[in-house]
Amino acid sequence: MSLPSAADLRAAYAVTSQATQRTPLLESEALAREIGAARVFVKAESLQWAGSFKIRGAYWRLTRLGAEERQRGVVAYSSGNFAQGLAAAGRAQGVPVTIVMPVDAPEPKRIATEGYGARVVLSHHGERPREEAASALARDIAETQGLVLLHPFDDPDIVAGQAGAGLEALDQLSRLDAAPDIVVCPVGGGGLLGGVSLAFHHAAPAVRIFGVEPRGYDAMGASLADGEIQRVASGLPTICDALQATQPGAAPFAAARAAGVAGVSVGDTEVRAAMRFAFERLKLVLEPSGAVALAAALSGAVPVRDRTVVLFATGGNVSFDAFAAYLAG
């Protein structure tokens, strides 16, 4: 598979940076002391438009549509964050958006997606993995209604667009005279990890990059360890609703493998502790899926001692009631 080049990543960011926020790169001495690192930086993509990094890849992908495709509109499946990012990007570019969401996706994410003007269709998965049921319904809608089917992560253009979060962090680090040793990034299907890993690999090949998944959904980690794409079907419950992909996309996997990414996983207990730390010490409200990189650092799942570390905090789309319930266990 042809990977986006460094020039491709820069070209995408030149466009998407005009339509997205430059999210903060927060340095935390408290977090550095807690985990024994030399310096720690948190890239707060939870503060991005639509509450996560997803608008970066969605916006770039929509710019790649032809005029006739833009008029017909697009359909994609998502449990919530890509849904909101694509809906916001579609509204900004005047492209009609239909989103297939699992019936048990968080209601605030559905309401927010509709608030950006997207049409939401709910999928019922029963005993099937919910991602598979939602993607099948999205394909059916694309065929019957003539819409352009977009994949939320397995698309080189999505990978290139999401890389903007990494390019932006690299620029911010250079302004702070900081050279990263370790980069830690959440993984669902792998679109963000693919883009971020390429961005850092091109700029600083010696940086070690870790992808973090919920325990039981560590398909990217298993695939990287095996050298080819693996599927997991544990069915284990997890509070990380946005990271329940059963296998990584081919494009993100190729990018992560080329960048030498290693996979680690964390459980719900570690994620809850990370959400609390982010709230109390970093003043960030993170949804569970957005807190897994921080969870990996706090739990010792990645080797951070005496290193300069960059953690991606990727989403903050969580209701107050759900946030309180998560912290209460």
C-alpha atoms as a PDB file:
ATOM      1  CA  MET A   1       0.000   0.000   0.000  1.00  0.00           C
ATOM      2  CA  SER A   2       1.222   3.484  -0.890  1.00  0.00           C
ATOM      3  CA  LEU A   3       1.717   5.568   2.243  1.00  0.00           C
ATOM      4  CA  PRO A   4       1.188   9.328   2.405  1.00  0.00           C
ATOM      5  CA  SER A   5       4.550  11.050   2.019  1.00  0.00           C
ATOM      6  CA  ALA A   6       5.860  13.813   4.237  1.00  0.00           C
ATOM      7  CA  ALA A   7       4.821  16.234   1.482  1.00  0.00           C
ATOM      8  CA  ASP A   8       1.318  14.738   1.456  1.00  0.00           C
ATOM      9  CA  LEU A   9       1.007  15.309   5.203  1.00  0.00           C
ATOM     10  CA  ARG A  10       2.144  18.914   4.904  1.00  0.00           C
ATOM     11  CA  ALA A  11      -0.235  19.558   2.013  1.00  0.00           C
ATOM     12  CA  ALA A  12      -3.179  18.225   4.012  1.00  0.00           C
ATOM     13  CA  TYR A  13      -2.252  20.271   7.076  1.00  0.00           C
ATOM     14  CA  ALA A  14      -1.902  23.438   5.026  1.00  0.00           C
ATOM     15  CA  VAL A  15      -5.599  23.086   4.176  1.00  0.00           C
ATOM     16  CA  THR A  16      -7.030  21.648   7.388  1.00  0.00           C
ATOM     17  CA  SER A  17      -5.188  24.087   9.655  1.00  0.00           C
ATOM     18  CA  GLN A  18      -7.344  26.835   8.178  1.00  0.00           C
ATOM     19  CA  ALA A  19     -10.500  25.046   9.350  1.00  0.00           C
ATOM     20  CA  THR A  20      -9.426  23.615  12.711  1.00  0.00           C
ATOM     21  CA  GLN A  21      -8.235  24.942  16.025  1.00  0.00           C
ATOM     22  CA  ARG A  22      -4.577  24.898  16.992  1.00  0.00           C
ATOM     23  CA  THR A  23      -5.067  22.871  20.134  1.00  0.00           C
ATOM     24  CA  PRO A  24      -2.847  23.456  23.182  1.00  0.00           C
ATOM     25  CA  LEU A  25       0.268  21.448  23.892  1.00  0.00           C
ATOM     26  CA  LEU A  26       0.280  21.484  27.675  1.00  0.00           C
ATOM     27  CA  GLU A  27       3.458  20.835  29.650  1.00  0.00           C
ATOM     28  CA  SER A  28       2.802  19.339  33.090  1.00  0.00           C
ATOM     29  CA  GLU A  29       5.462  19.211  35.773  1.00  0.00           C
ATOM     30  CA  ALA A  30       3.000  17.410  38.050  1.00  0.00           C
ATOM     31  CA  LEU A  31       2.531  14.624  35.513  1.00  0.00           C
ATOM     32  CA  ALA A  32       6.278  14.407  34.877  1.00  0.00           C
ATOM     33  CA  ARG A  33       6.884  13.917  38.601  1.00  0.00           C
ATOM     34  CA  GLU A  34       4.077  11.380  38.837  1.00  0.00           C
ATOM     35  CA  ILE A  35       5.501   9.117  36.126  1.00  0.00           C
ATOM     36  CA  GLY A  36       9.217   9.883  36.525  1.00  0.00           C
ATOM     37  CA  ALA A  37       9.639  11.528  33.122  1.00  0.00           C
ATOM     38  CA  ALA A  38      11.984  14.401  32.346  1.00  0.00           C
ATOM     39  CA  ARG A  39       9.260  16.428  30.623  1.00  0.00           C
ATOM     40  CA  VAL A  40       5.677  15.606  29.629  1.00  0.00           C
ATOM     41  CA  PHE A  41       3.499  17.339  27.068  1.00  0.00           C
ATOM     42  CA  VAL A  42      -0.195  16.635  26.524  1.00  0.00           C
ATOM     43  CA  LYS A  43      -1.654  17.456  23.118  1.00  0.00           C
ATOM     44  CA  ALA A  44      -5.204  18.426  24.049  1.00  0.00           C
ATOM     45  CA  GLU A  45      -7.155  17.365  20.969  1.00  0.00           C
ATOM     46  CA  SER A  46     -10.148  17.096  23.286  1.00  0.00           C
ATOM     47  CA  LEU A  47     -10.407  20.871  22.790  1.00  0.00           C
ATOM     48  CA  GLN A  48     -10.622  20.598  19.005  1.00  0.00           C
ATOM     49  CA  TRP A  49     -13.778  21.579  17.086  1.00  0.00           C
ATOM     50  CA  ALA A  50     -16.454  18.888  17.625  1.00  0.00           C
ATOM     51  CA  GLY A  51     -14.578  17.645  20.680  1.00  0.00           C
ATOM     52  CA  SER A  52     -11.911  15.462  19.090  1.00  0.00           C
ATOM     53  CA  PHE A  53      -9.196  15.245  16.440  1.00  0.00           C
ATOM     54  CA  LYS A  54     -11.581  13.615  13.966  1.00  0.00           C
ATOM     55  CA  ILE A  55     -12.461  16.795  12.094  1.00  0.00           C
ATOM     56  CA  ARG A  56      -8.885  16.973  10.762  1.00  0.00           C
ATOM     57  CA  GLY A  57      -9.125  13.804   8.668  1.00  0.00           C
ATOM     58  CA  ALA A  58     -12.796  14.319   7.831  1.00  0.00           C
ATOM     59  CA  TYR A  59     -12.236  17.825   6.504  1.00  0.00           C
ATOM     60  CA  TRP A  60      -9.304  16.766   4.322  1.00  0.00           C
ATOM     61  CA  ARG A  61     -11.200  13.744   2.965  1.00  0.00           C
ATOM     62  CA  LEU A  62     -14.132  15.911   1.904  1.00  0.00           C
ATOM     63  CA  THR A  63     -11.807  18.231  -0.015  1.00  0.00           C
ATOM     64  CA  ARG A  64     -10.808  15.218  -2.126  1.00  0.00           C
ATOM     65  CA  LEU A  65     -14.351  14.668  -3.421  1.00  0.00           C
ATOM     66  CA  GLY A  66     -15.322  15.581  -6.960  1.00  0.00           C
ATOM     67  CA  ALA A  67     -18.025  18.176  -7.623  1.00  0.00           C
ATOM     68  CA  GLU A  68     -20.677  15.545  -8.393  1.00  0.00           C
ATOM     69  CA  GLU A  69     -19.747  13.522  -5.303  1.00  0.00           C
ATOM     70  CA  ARG A  70     -20.021  16.594  -3.113  1.00  0.00           C
ATOM     71  CA  GLN A  71     -23.509  17.250  -4.416  1.00  0.00           C
ATOM     72  CA  ARG A  72     -24.676  13.672  -3.797  1.00  0.00           C
ATOM     73  CA  GLY A  73     -23.287  13.596  -0.269  1.00  0.00           C
ATOM     74  CA  VAL A  74     -21.461  11.036   1.839  1.00  0.00           C
ATOM     75  CA  VAL A  75     -22.273   8.284   4.317  1.00  0.00           C
ATOM     76  CA  ALA A  76     -20.052   6.825   7.040  1.00  0.00           C
ATOM     77  CA  TYR A  77     -20.388   4.804  10.217  1.00  0.00           C
ATOM     78  CA  SER A  78     -19.191   5.962  13.611  1.00  0.00           C
ATOM     79  CA  SER A  79     -19.927   5.536  17.300  1.00  0.00           C
ATOM     80  CA  GLY A  80     -19.717   9.292  17.710  1.00  0.00           C
ATOM     81  CA  ASN A  81     -16.443  11.182  17.328  1.00  0.00           C
ATOM     82  CA  PHE A  82     -15.889  10.703  13.600  1.00  0.00           C
ATOM     83  CA  ALA A  83     -19.611  11.297  13.222  1.00  0.00           C
ATOM     84  CA  GLN A  84     -19.308  14.732  14.816  1.00  0.00           C
ATOM     85  CA  GLY A  85     -16.083  15.573  13.001  1.00  0.00           C
ATOM     86  CA  LEU A  86     -17.505  14.595   9.605  1.00  0.00           C
ATOM     87  CA  ALA A  87     -20.800  16.353  10.287  1.00  0.00           C
ATOM     88  CA  ALA A  88     -18.955  19.566  11.229  1.00  0.00           C
ATOM     89  CA  ALA A  89     -16.687  19.297   8.181  1.00  0.00           C
ATOM     90  CA  GLY A  90     -19.671  18.624   5.934  1.00  0.00           C
ATOM     91  CA  ARG A  91     -21.502  21.668   7.254  1.00  0.00           C
ATOM     92  CA  ALA A  92     -18.427  23.834   6.688  1.00  0.00           C
ATOM     93  CA  GLN A  93     -18.040  22.614   3.094  1.00  0.00           C
ATOM     94  CA  GLY A  94     -21.715  22.284   2.167  1.00  0.00           C
ATOM     95  CA  VAL A  95     -21.570  18.499   1.736  1.00  0.00           C
ATOM     96  CA  PRO A  96     -24.635  16.478   2.914  1.00  0.00           C
ATOM     97  CA  VAL A  97     -23.629  13.902   5.536  1.00  0.00           C
ATOM     98  CA  THR A  98     -25.381  10.721   6.652  1.00  0.00           C
ATOM     99  CA  ILE A  99     -23.997   8.874   9.669  1.00  0.00           C
ATOM    100  CA  VAL A 100     -24.784   5.307  10.729  1.00  0.00           C
ATOM    101  CA  MET A 101     -24.387   5.025  14.508  1.00  0.00           C
ATOM    102  CA  PRO A 102     -24.785   1.934  16.697  1.00  0.00           C
ATOM    103  CA  VAL A 103     -28.046   2.105  18.607  1.00  0.00           C
ATOM    104  CA  ASP A 104     -26.105   1.947  21.892  1.00  0.00           C
ATOM    105  CA  ALA A 105     -23.701   4.775  21.036  1.00  0.00           C
ATOM    106  CA  PRO A 106     -23.733   7.569  23.655  1.00  0.00           C
ATOM    107  CA  GLU A 107     -26.813   9.730  23.173  1.00  0.00           C
ATOM    108  CA  PRO A 108     -24.938  13.051  23.588  1.00  0.00           C
ATOM    109  CA  LYS A 109     -22.765  12.106  20.603  1.00  0.00           C
ATOM    110  CA  ARG A 110     -25.841  11.363  18.483  1.00  0.00           C
ATOM    111  CA  ILE A 111     -27.489  14.636  19.483  1.00  0.00           C
ATOM    112  CA  ALA A 112     -24.308  16.598  18.761  1.00  0.00           C
ATOM    113  CA  THR A 113     -23.958  14.926  15.349  1.00  0.00           C
ATOM    114  CA  GLU A 114     -27.516  15.902  14.444  1.00  0.00           C
ATOM    115  CA  GLY A 115     -26.783  19.384  15.753  1.00  0.00           C
ATOM    116  CA  TYR A 116     -24.121  19.788  13.039  1.00  0.00           C
ATOM    117  CA  GLY A 117     -26.787  19.029  10.444  1.00  0.00           C
ATOM    118  CA  ALA A 118     -26.070  15.378   9.697  1.00  0.00           C
ATOM    119  CA  ARG A 119     -28.744  12.740   9.195  1.00  0.00           C
ATOM    120  CA  VAL A 120     -28.279   9.922  11.736  1.00  0.00           C
ATOM    121  CA  VAL A 121     -29.399   6.344  11.049  1.00  0.00           C
ATOM    122  CA  LEU A 122     -29.173   3.890  13.954  1.00  0.00           C
ATOM    123  CA  SER A 123     -27.868   0.338  13.438  1.00  0.00           C
ATOM    124  CA  HIS A 124     -28.863  -2.686  15.546  1.00  0.00           C
ATOM    125  CA  HIS A 125     -26.063  -5.206  16.016  1.00  0.00           C
ATOM    126  CA  GLY A 126     -27.414  -7.877  18.352  1.00  0.00           C
ATOM    127  CA  GLU A 127     -24.617 -10.386  18.921  1.00  0.00           C
ATOM    128  CA  ARG A 128     -22.469  -9.023  16.094  1.00  0.00           C
ATOM    129  CA  PRO A 129     -19.620  -6.585  16.755  1.00  0.00           C
ATOM    130  CA  ARG A 130     -21.311  -3.220  16.499  1.00  0.00           C
ATOM    131  CA  GLU A 131     -18.722  -1.814  14.105  1.00  0.00           C
ATOM    132  CA  GLU A 132     -19.429  -4.599  11.614  1.00  0.00           C
ATOM    133  CA  ALA A 133     -23.200  -4.101  11.752  1.00  0.00           C
ATOM    134  CA  ALA A 134     -22.876  -0.325  11.347  1.00  0.00           C
ATOM    135  CA  SER A 135     -20.435  -0.592   8.447  1.00  0.00           C
ATOM    136  CA  ALA A 136     -22.696  -3.075   6.642  1.00  0.00           C
ATOM    137  CA  LEU A 137     -25.670  -0.710   6.944  1.00  0.00           C
ATOM    138  CA  ALA A 138     -23.556   2.217   5.728  1.00  0.00           C
ATOM    139  CA  ARG A 139     -22.576   0.201   2.624  1.00  0.00           C
ATOM    140  CA  ASP A 140     -26.224  -0.604   1.942  1.00  0.00           C
ATOM    141  CA  ILE A 141     -27.199   3.069   2.231  1.00  0.00           C
ATOM    142  CA  ALA A 142     -24.368   4.094  -0.091  1.00  0.00           C
ATOM    143  CA  GLU A 143     -25.512   1.609  -2.735  1.00  0.00           C
ATOM    144  CA  THR A 144     -29.245   2.261  -2.519  1.00  0.00           C
ATOM    145  CA  GLN A 145     -29.101   6.039  -2.127  1.00  0.00           C
ATOM    146  CA  GLY A 146     -26.113   6.820  -4.324  1.00  0.00           C
ATOM    147  CA  LEU A 147     -23.976   8.315  -1.570  1.00  0.00           C
ATOM    148  CA  VAL A 148     -20.182   8.255  -1.381  1.00  0.00           C
ATOM    149  CA  LEU A 149     -19.095   5.742   1.265  1.00  0.00           C
ATOM    150  CA  LEU A 150     -16.352   7.050   3.541  1.00  0.00           C
ATOM    151  CA  HIS A 151     -14.391   4.893   5.950  1.00  0.00           C
ATOM    152  CA  PRO A 152     -13.710   6.496   9.347  1.00  0.00           C
ATOM    153  CA  PHE A 153     -10.081   5.368   9.466  1.00  0.00           C
ATOM    154  CA  ASP A 154      -9.047   2.983   6.665  1.00  0.00           C
ATOM    155  CA  ASP A 155      -8.297   5.617   4.042  1.00  0.00           C
ATOM    156  CA  PRO A 156      -4.892   7.144   3.179  1.00  0.00           C
ATOM    157  CA  ASP A 157      -6.523  10.598   2.977  1.00  0.00           C
ATOM    158  CA  ILE A 158      -7.963  10.196   6.500  1.00  0.00           C
ATOM    159  CA  VAL A 159      -4.503   9.167   7.731  1.00  0.00           C
ATOM    160  CA  ALA A 160      -2.940  12.192   6.019  1.00  0.00           C
ATOM    161  CA  GLY A 161      -5.537  14.534   7.479  1.00  0.00           C
ATOM    162  CA  GLN A 162      -5.198  13.199  11.014  1.00  0.00           C
ATOM    163  CA  ALA A 163      -1.429  13.677  10.766  1.00  0.00           C
ATOM    164  CA  GLY A 164      -2.086  17.375  11.283  1.00  0.00           C
ATOM    165  CA  ALA A 165      -2.305  16.733  15.024  1.00  0.00           C
ATOM    166  CA  GLY A 166       1.241  15.369  14.918  1.00  0.00           C
ATOM    167  CA  LEU A 167       2.643  18.089  12.679  1.00  0.00           C
ATOM    168  CA  GLU A 168       1.097  20.731  14.917  1.00  0.00           C
ATOM    169  CA  ALA A 169       2.594  19.107  18.029  1.00  0.00           C
ATOM    170  CA  LEU A 170       6.017  18.954  16.384  1.00  0.00           C
ATOM    171  CA  ASP A 171       5.881  22.673  15.608  1.00  0.00           C
ATOM    172  CA  GLN A 172       4.822  23.464  19.163  1.00  0.00           C
ATOM    173  CA  LEU A 173       7.612  21.284  20.580  1.00  0.00           C
ATOM    174  CA  SER A 174      10.213  23.041  18.462  1.00  0.00           C
ATOM    175  CA  ARG A 175       9.038  26.408  19.769  1.00  0.00           C
ATOM    176  CA  LEU A 176       9.519  25.057  23.309  1.00  0.00           C
ATOM    177  CA  ASP A 177      13.003  23.697  22.493  1.00  0.00           C
ATOM    178  CA  ALA A 178      11.813  20.173  23.346  1.00  0.00           C
ATOM    179  CA  ALA A 179      12.973  17.025  21.541  1.00  0.00           C
ATOM    180  CA  PRO A 180      10.547  14.126  22.132  1.00  0.00           C
ATOM    181  CA  ASP A 181      11.764  10.640  23.025  1.00  0.00           C
ATOM    182  CA  ILE A 182       8.387   8.925  23.450  1.00  0.00           C
ATOM    183  CA  VAL A 183       5.029   9.513  21.745  1.00  0.00           C
ATOM    184  CA  VAL A 184       1.895   7.810  23.092  1.00  0.00           C
ATOM    185  CA  CYS A 185      -1.312   7.815  21.065  1.00  0.00           C
ATOM    186  CA  PRO A 186      -4.733   6.143  21.422  1.00  0.00           C
ATOM    187  CA  VAL A 187      -5.816   3.570  18.832  1.00  0.00           C
ATOM    188  CA  GLY A 188      -9.204   2.437  17.609  1.00  0.00           C
ATOM    189  CA  GLY A 189      -9.036   1.692  13.908  1.00  0.00           C
ATOM    190  CA  GLY A 190      -5.737   3.551  13.727  1.00  0.00           C
ATOM    191  CA  GLY A 191      -6.352   6.654  11.608  1.00  0.00           C
ATOM    192  CA  LEU A 192      -4.858   9.059  14.132  1.00  0.00           C
ATOM    193  CA  LEU A 193      -2.015   6.726  15.095  1.00  0.00           C
ATOM    194  CA  GLY A 194      -1.170   6.210  11.437  1.00  0.00           C
ATOM    195  CA  GLY A 195      -0.980   9.922  10.752  1.00  0.00           C
ATOM    196  CA  VAL A 196       0.777  10.886  13.975  1.00  0.00           C
ATOM    197  CA  SER A 197       3.312   8.072  13.666  1.00  0.00           C
ATOM    198  CA  LEU A 198       4.230   9.109  10.114  1.00  0.00           C
ATOM    199  CA  ALA A 199       4.517  12.762  11.132  1.00  0.00           C
ATOM    200  CA  PHE A 200       6.910  11.983  13.976  1.00  0.00           C
ATOM    201  CA  HIS A 201       8.769   9.279  12.055  1.00  0.00           C
ATOM    202  CA  HIS A 202       9.525  11.631   9.167  1.00  0.00           C
ATOM    203  CA  ALA A 203      10.648  14.429  11.506  1.00  0.00           C
ATOM    204  CA  ALA A 204      12.450  12.403  14.188  1.00  0.00           C
ATOM    205  CA  PRO A 205      13.031   8.754  13.212  1.00  0.00           C
ATOM    206  CA  ALA A 206      14.554   7.884  16.606  1.00  0.00           C
ATOM    207  CA  VAL A 207      11.332   8.671  18.507  1.00  0.00           C
ATOM    208  CA  ARG A 208       9.627   5.618  20.004  1.00  0.00           C
ATOM    209  CA  ILE A 209       5.898   5.552  19.327  1.00  0.00           C
ATOM    210  CA  PHE A 210       3.313   3.566  21.281  1.00  0.00           C
ATOM    211  CA  GLY A 211      -0.283   2.929  20.321  1.00  0.00           C
ATOM    212  CA  VAL A 212      -2.681   2.351  23.222  1.00  0.00           C
ATOM    213  CA  GLU A 213      -5.873   0.289  23.008  1.00  0.00           C
ATOM    214  CA  PRO A 214      -8.487  -0.918  25.495  1.00  0.00           C
ATOM    215  CA  ARG A 215      -7.751  -4.369  26.881  1.00  0.00           C
ATOM    216  CA  GLY A 216      -9.559  -6.939  24.765  1.00  0.00           C
ATOM    217  CA  TYR A 217      -9.570  -4.669  21.712  1.00  0.00           C
ATOM    218  CA  ASP A 218      -5.812  -4.636  21.091  1.00  0.00           C
ATOM    219  CA  ALA A 219      -6.038  -5.540  17.400  1.00  0.00           C
ATOM    220  CA  MET A 220      -3.446  -2.988  16.290  1.00  0.00           C
ATOM    221  CA  GLY A 221      -0.955  -4.173  18.899  1.00  0.00           C
ATOM    222  CA  ALA A 222      -1.510  -7.811  17.952  1.00  0.00           C
ATOM    223  CA  SER A 223      -1.199  -6.964  14.255  1.00  0.00           C
ATOM    224  CA  LEU A 224       2.047  -5.054  14.732  1.00  0.00           C
ATOM    225  CA  ALA A 225       3.496  -7.886  16.806  1.00  0.00           C
ATOM    226  CA  ASP A 226       2.481 -10.467  14.195  1.00  0.00           C
ATOM    227  CA  GLY A 227       3.454  -8.445  11.138  1.00  0.00           C
ATOM    228  CA  GLU A 228       0.057  -8.706   9.483  1.00  0.00           C
ATOM    229  CA  ILE A 229      -3.464  -7.587  10.258  1.00  0.00           C
ATOM    230  CA  GLN A 230      -5.190  -9.568  12.991  1.00  0.00           C
ATOM    231  CA  ARG A 231      -8.808  -9.487  14.122  1.00  0.00           C
ATOM    232  CA  VAL A 232      -9.900  -9.686  17.755  1.00  0.00           C
ATOM    233  CA  ALA A 233     -13.351 -10.708  18.905  1.00  0.00           C
ATOM    234  CA  SER A 234     -13.127 -10.775  22.676  1.00  0.00           C
ATOM    235  CA  GLY A 235     -16.431  -9.049  23.301  1.00  0.00           C
ATOM    236  CA  LEU A 236     -15.073  -7.784  26.606  1.00  0.00           C
ATOM    237  CA  PRO A 237     -16.949  -4.790  28.005  1.00  0.00           C
ATOM    238  CA  THR A 238     -15.066  -1.506  27.976  1.00  0.00           C
ATOM    239  CA  ILE A 239     -15.928   2.079  28.787  1.00  0.00           C
ATOM    240  CA  CYS A 240     -13.831   3.150  25.774  1.00  0.00           C
ATOM    241  CA  ASP A 241     -16.747   3.176  23.346  1.00  0.00           C
ATOM    242  CA  ALA A 242     -14.813   4.912  20.552  1.00  0.00           C
ATOM    243  CA  LEU A 243     -11.987   2.342  20.525  1.00  0.00           C
ATOM    244  CA  GLN A 244     -13.843  -0.910  19.874  1.00  0.00           C
ATOM    245  CA  ALA A 245     -12.498  -1.653  16.391  1.00  0.00           C
ATOM    246  CA  THR A 246     -12.062  -5.402  15.906  1.00  0.00           C
ATOM    247  CA  GLN A 247      -9.160  -4.947  13.494  1.00  0.00           C
ATOM    248  CA  PRO A 248      -7.026  -2.051  12.303  1.00  0.00           C
ATOM    249  CA  GLY A 249      -7.442  -0.529   8.879  1.00  0.00           C
ATOM    250  CA  ALA A 250      -4.936  -1.516   6.229  1.00  0.00           C
ATOM    251  CA  ALA A 251      -3.782   2.074   5.642  1.00  0.00           C
ATOM    252  CA  PRO A 252      -3.240   2.887   9.345  1.00  0.00           C
ATOM    253  CA  PHE A 253      -1.556  -0.479   9.933  1.00  0.00           C
ATOM    254  CA  ALA A 254       0.870   0.102   7.074  1.00  0.00           C
ATOM    255  CA  ALA A 255       1.692   3.565   8.421  1.00  0.00           C
ATOM    256  CA  ALA A 256       2.167   2.377  12.003  1.00  0.00           C
ATOM    257  CA  ARG A 257       4.309  -0.553  10.898  1.00  0.00           C
ATOM    258  CA  ALA A 258       6.505   1.698   8.746  1.00  0.00           C
ATOM    259  CA  ALA A 259       7.018   3.992  11.748  1.00  0.00           C
ATOM    260  CA  GLY A 260       7.953   1.111  14.075  1.00  0.00           C
ATOM    261  CA  VAL A 261       4.998   1.570  16.437  1.00  0.00           C
ATOM    262  CA  ALA A 262       4.603  -0.803  19.404  1.00  0.00           C
ATOM    263  CA  GLY A 263       1.230  -1.613  20.926  1.00  0.00           C
ATOM    264  CA  VAL A 264       0.153  -1.619  24.584  1.00  0.00           C
ATOM    265  CA  SER A 265      -3.253  -1.966  26.225  1.00  0.00           C
ATOM    266  CA  VAL A 266      -4.960  -0.633  29.353  1.00  0.00           C
ATOM    267  CA  GLY A 267      -8.012  -1.615  31.366  1.00  0.00           C
ATOM    268  CA  ASP A 268     -10.983   0.414  32.503  1.00  0.00           C
ATOM    269  CA  THR A 269      -9.545   0.904  35.997  1.00  0.00           C
ATOM    270  CA  GLU A 270      -6.456   2.611  34.573  1.00  0.00           C
ATOM    271  CA  VAL A 271      -8.616   4.698  32.232  1.00  0.00           C
ATOM    272  CA  ARG A 272     -10.791   5.942  35.090  1.00  0.00           C
ATOM    273  CA  ALA A 273      -7.679   6.923  37.049  1.00  0.00           C
ATOM    274  CA  ALA A 274      -6.372   8.817  34.020  1.00  0.00           C
ATOM    275  CA  MET A 275      -9.680  10.673  33.581  1.00  0.00           C
ATOM    276  CA  ARG A 276      -9.533  11.734  37.221  1.00  0.00           C
ATOM    277  CA  PHE A 277      -5.897  12.860  36.936  1.00  0.00           C
ATOM    278  CA  ALA A 278      -6.674  14.844  33.793  1.00  0.00           C
ATOM    279  CA  PHE A 279      -9.587  16.567  35.509  1.00  0.00           C
ATOM    280  CA  GLU A 280      -7.886  17.287  38.812  1.00  0.00           C
ATOM    281  CA  ARG A 281      -4.315  18.042  37.689  1.00  0.00           C
ATOM    282  CA  LEU A 282      -4.486  19.027  34.012  1.00  0.00           C
ATOM    283  CA  LYS A 283      -7.932  20.673  34.095  1.00  0.00           C
ATOM    284  CA  LEU A 284      -9.049  18.615  31.090  1.00  0.00           C
ATOM    285  CA  VAL A 285     -12.330  16.745  30.750  1.00  0.00           C
ATOM    286  CA  LEU A 286     -11.604  13.572  28.793  1.00  0.00           C
ATOM    287  CA  GLU A 287     -13.935  10.841  27.644  1.00  0.00           C
ATOM    288  CA  PRO A 288     -12.614   7.320  28.350  1.00  0.00           C
ATOM    289  CA  SER A 289     -11.310   6.760  24.822  1.00  0.00           C
ATOM    290  CA  GLY A 290      -9.492  10.083  24.933  1.00  0.00           C
ATOM    291  CA  ALA A 291      -7.662   9.174  28.146  1.00  0.00           C
ATOM    292  CA  VAL A 292      -5.990   5.865  27.226  1.00  0.00           C
ATOM    293  CA  ALA A 293      -2.590   7.369  26.354  1.00  0.00           C
ATOM    294  CA  LEU A 294      -2.493   9.120  29.718  1.00  0.00           C
ATOM    295  CA  ALA A 295      -3.615   5.858  31.338  1.00  0.00           C
ATOM    296  CA  ALA A 296      -0.702   4.012  29.746  1.00  0.00           C
ATOM    297  CA  ALA A 297       1.776   6.560  31.074  1.00  0.00           C
ATOM    298  CA  LEU A 298       0.327   6.640  34.584  1.00  0.00           C
ATOM    299  CA  SER A 299       0.116   2.849  34.847  1.00  0.00           C
ATOM    300  CA  GLY A 300       3.688   2.232  33.692  1.00  0.00           C
ATOM    301  CA  ALA A 301       2.673   0.506  30.457  1.00  0.00           C
ATOM    302  CA  VAL A 302       5.171   2.609  28.491  1.00  0.00           C
ATOM    303  CA  PRO A 303       8.835   3.308  29.410  1.00  0.00           C
ATOM    304  CA  VAL A 304       8.824   7.011  30.222  1.00  0.00           C
ATOM    305  CA  ARG A 305      11.383   7.377  33.022  1.00  0.00           C
ATOM    306  CA  ASP A 306      13.787  10.259  32.385  1.00  0.00           C
ATOM    307  CA  ARG A 307      12.340  10.728  28.888  1.00  0.00           C
ATOM    308  CA  THR A 308      10.593  13.616  27.152  1.00  0.00           C
ATOM    309  CA  VAL A 309       7.092  12.347  26.471  1.00  0.00           C
ATOM    310  CA  VAL A 310       4.207  13.482  24.279  1.00  0.00           C
ATOM    311  CA  LEU A 311       0.739  12.144  25.098  1.00  0.00           C
ATOM    312  CA  PHE A 312      -2.301  12.632  22.868  1.00  0.00           C
ATOM    313  CA  ALA A 313      -5.542  13.356  24.743  1.00  0.00           C
ATOM    314  CA  THR A 314      -7.921  12.788  21.887  1.00  0.00           C
ATOM    315  CA  GLY A 315     -11.533  13.365  22.886  1.00  0.00           C
ATOM    316  CA  GLY A 316     -13.747  15.121  25.407  1.00  0.00           C
ATOM    317  CA  ASN A 317     -17.208  14.125  24.217  1.00  0.00           C
ATOM    318  CA  VAL A 318     -18.777  12.927  27.463  1.00  0.00           C
ATOM    319  CA  SER A 319     -21.821  14.102  29.378  1.00  0.00           C
ATOM    320  CA  PHE A 320     -21.518  15.336  32.942  1.00  0.00           C
ATOM    321  CA  ASP A 321     -23.581  12.413  34.287  1.00  0.00           C
ATOM    322  CA  ALA A 322     -21.543   9.827  32.402  1.00  0.00           C
ATOM    323  CA  PHE A 323     -18.262  11.464  33.452  1.00  0.00           C
ATOM    324  CA  ALA A 324     -19.295  11.388  37.112  1.00  0.00           C
ATOM    325  CA  ALA A 325     -20.442   7.780  36.797  1.00  0.00           C
ATOM    326  CA  TYR A 326     -17.156   6.699  35.230  1.00  0.00           C
ATOM    327  CA  LEU A 327     -15.148   8.245  38.049  1.00  0.00           C
ATOM    328  CA  ALA A 328     -17.423   6.623  40.609  1.00  0.00           C
ATOM    329  CA  GLY A 329     -16.601   3.264  39.047  1.00  0.00           C
END
